[in-house]
C-alpha atoms as a PDB file:
ATOM      1  CA  MET A   1      21.353  59.096   0.954  1.00  0.00           C
ATOM      2  CA  LYS A   2      24.888  57.837   0.435  1.00  0.00           C
ATOM      3  CA  GLU A   3      25.182  57.017   4.132  1.00  0.00           C
ATOM      4  CA  THR A   4      22.240  54.605   3.870  1.00  0.00           C
ATOM      5  CA  LYS A   5      23.895  52.702   1.032  1.00  0.00           C
ATOM      6  CA  LYS A   6      27.166  52.685   2.929  1.00  0.00           C
ATOM      7  CA  THR A   7      25.460  51.256   6.021  1.00  0.00           C
ATOM      8  CA  ALA A   8      23.747  48.550   3.994  1.00  0.00           C
ATOM      9  CA  SER A   9      27.023  47.514   2.419  1.00  0.00           C
ATOM     10  CA  GLN A  10      28.649  47.214   5.849  1.00  0.00           C
ATOM     11  CA  LEU A  11      26.261  44.396   6.784  1.00  0.00           C
ATOM     12  CA  ASP A  12      28.078  41.126   7.372  1.00  0.00           C
ATOM     13  CA  PRO A  13      27.679  38.918   4.249  1.00  0.00           C
ATOM     14  CA  LYS A  14      26.875  35.821   6.321  1.00  0.00           C
ATOM     15  CA  LEU A  15      24.194  37.678   8.262  1.00  0.00           C
ATOM     16  CA  ARG A  16      22.760  39.095   5.040  1.00  0.00           C
ATOM     17  CA  GLU A  17      22.609  35.612   3.496  1.00  0.00           C
ATOM     18  CA  ARG A  18      20.915  34.197   6.599  1.00  0.00           C
ATOM     19  CA  LEU A  19      18.353  37.019   6.644  1.00  0.00           C
ATOM     20  CA  LEU A  20      17.572  36.529   2.950  1.00  0.00           C
ATOM     21  CA  LYS A  21      17.119  32.787   3.493  1.00  0.00           C
ATOM     22  CA  GLU A  22      14.821  33.429   6.460  1.00  0.00           C
ATOM     23  CA  SER A  23      12.753  35.873   4.416  1.00  0.00           C
ATOM     24  CA  LYS A  24      12.228  33.193   1.734  1.00  0.00           C
ATOM     25  CA  SER A  25      10.970  30.605   4.255  1.00  0.00           C
ATOM     26  CA  PRO A  26       9.886  32.273   7.498  1.00  0.00           C
ATOM     27  CA  PHE A  27       9.506  30.207  10.684  1.00  0.00           C
ATOM     28  CA  ARG A  28      11.031  27.151   9.006  1.00  0.00           C
ATOM     29  CA  GLY A  29      12.655  25.911  12.208  1.00  0.00           C
ATOM     30  CA  ILE A  30       9.441  26.154  14.188  1.00  0.00           C
ATOM     31  CA  ARG A  31       7.495  24.388  11.433  1.00  0.00           C
ATOM     32  CA  ARG A  32      10.039  21.551  11.340  1.00  0.00           C
ATOM     33  CA  ILE A  33       9.735  21.082  15.120  1.00  0.00           C
ATOM     34  CA  VAL A  34       5.929  20.924  14.840  1.00  0.00           C
ATOM     35  CA  TRP A  35       6.082  18.421  11.948  1.00  0.00           C
ATOM     36  CA  ILE A  36       8.567  16.220  13.842  1.00  0.00           C
ATOM     37  CA  ALA A  37       6.398  16.311  16.981  1.00  0.00           C
ATOM     38  CA  LEU A  38       3.261  15.411  15.018  1.00  0.00           C
ATOM     39  CA  PHE A  39       5.048  12.611  13.170  1.00  0.00           C
ATOM     40  CA  GLY A  40       6.476  11.175  16.396  1.00  0.00           C
ATOM     41  CA  SER A  41       3.136  11.358  18.170  1.00  0.00           C
ATOM     42  CA  SER A  42       1.238   9.650  15.373  1.00  0.00           C
ATOM     43  CA  LEU A  43       3.939   6.987  15.000  1.00  0.00           C
ATOM     44  CA  ILE A  44       3.826   6.203  18.726  1.00  0.00           C
ATOM     45  CA  GLY A  45       0.023   5.985  18.522  1.00  0.00           C
ATOM     46  CA  LEU A  46       0.280   3.570  15.604  1.00  0.00           C
ATOM     47  CA  PHE A  47       2.789   1.387  17.487  1.00  0.00           C
ATOM     48  CA  VAL A  48       0.550   1.322  20.568  1.00  0.00           C
ATOM     49  CA  MET A  49      -2.424   0.272  18.464  1.00  0.00           C
ATOM     50  CA  ALA A  50      -0.371  -2.392  16.696  1.00  0.00           C
ATOM     51  CA  PHE A  51       0.898  -3.826  19.994  1.00  0.00           C
ATOM     52  CA  ARG A  52      -2.618  -3.813  21.439  1.00  0.00           C
ATOM     53  CA  GLU A  53      -3.836  -5.736  18.400  1.00  0.00           C
ATOM     54  CA  ILE A  54      -0.947  -8.209  18.690  1.00  0.00           C
ATOM     55  CA  SER A  55      -1.692  -8.768  22.381  1.00  0.00           C
ATOM     56  CA  GLY A  56      -5.255  -9.737  21.560  1.00  0.00           C
ATOM     57  CA  GLN A  57      -7.141  -6.578  22.481  1.00  0.00           C
ATOM     58  CA  SER A  58      -9.638  -5.278  19.991  1.00  0.00           C
ATOM     59  CA  VAL A  59      -8.737  -2.167  18.009  1.00  0.00           C
ATOM     60  CA  LEU A  60     -11.247  -0.634  15.625  1.00  0.00           C
ATOM     61  CA  TRP A  61     -10.116  -0.548  12.008  1.00  0.00           C
ATOM     62  CA  SER A  62     -11.303   3.031  11.695  1.00  0.00           C
ATOM     63  CA  ASP A  63      -9.012   4.076  14.567  1.00  0.00           C
ATOM     64  CA  GLY A  64      -6.090   2.270  12.960  1.00  0.00           C
ATOM     65  CA  LEU A  65      -6.848   3.888   9.627  1.00  0.00           C
ATOM     66  CA  ILE A  66      -6.901   7.325  11.260  1.00  0.00           C
ATOM     67  CA  GLN A  67      -3.465   6.640  12.771  1.00  0.00           C
ATOM     68  CA  VAL A  68      -2.048   5.444   9.453  1.00  0.00           C
ATOM     69  CA  ILE A  69      -3.373   8.570   7.720  1.00  0.00           C
ATOM     70  CA  ALA A  70      -1.915  10.754  10.498  1.00  0.00           C
ATOM     71  CA  VAL A  71       1.519   9.121  10.084  1.00  0.00           C
ATOM     72  CA  MET A  72       1.394   9.544   6.311  1.00  0.00           C
ATOM     73  CA  LEU A  73       0.183  13.149   6.503  1.00  0.00           C
ATOM     74  CA  SER A  74       2.696  14.311   9.105  1.00  0.00           C
ATOM     75  CA  GLY A  75       5.491  12.434   7.343  1.00  0.00           C
ATOM     76  CA  SER A  76       4.630  14.040   4.029  1.00  0.00           C
ATOM     77  CA  LEU A  77       4.508  17.498   5.631  1.00  0.00           C
ATOM     78  CA  LEU A  78       7.954  16.856   7.065  1.00  0.00           C
ATOM     79  CA  TRP A  79       9.189  15.556   3.693  1.00  0.00           C
ATOM     80  CA  PHE A  80       7.885  18.488   1.643  1.00  0.00           C
ATOM     81  CA  ASP A  81       9.233  21.061   4.122  1.00  0.00           C
ATOM     82  CA  ARG A  82      12.821  19.847   3.709  1.00  0.00           C
ATOM     83  CA  SER A  83      15.429  21.875   1.880  1.00  0.00           C
ATOM     84  CA  ARG A  84      15.375  21.270  -1.829  1.00  0.00           C
ATOM     85  CA  ASN A  85      19.064  21.913  -2.251  1.00  0.00           C
ATOM     86  CA  THR A  86      21.994  21.292   0.063  1.00  0.00           C
ATOM     87  CA  ASN A  87      23.160  24.922  -0.084  1.00  0.00           C
ATOM     88  CA  GLU A  88      19.972  26.033   1.691  1.00  0.00           C
ATOM     89  CA  GLU A  89      20.450  23.762   4.718  1.00  0.00           C
ATOM     90  CA  SER A  90      21.882  25.189   7.890  1.00  0.00           C
END
């Protein structure tokens, strides 16, 4: 029993801290990549629609509204998934 405690105490403190942080927010890196990809995709779609409208082509308002909502939703997901305190960032 004492050997188990001894082994646990021999764990590198930096590794232990990183593992504890990962256990509090699992797959955070993967989620951030997905949110960034969704935000970029919806922003590009909104720019394309805006440039099509500027050039004189017809763009449905409902399609534009969907793109605006997609930009706002993916941006808010990215915003709320950020670290709340600077000590948590890595």
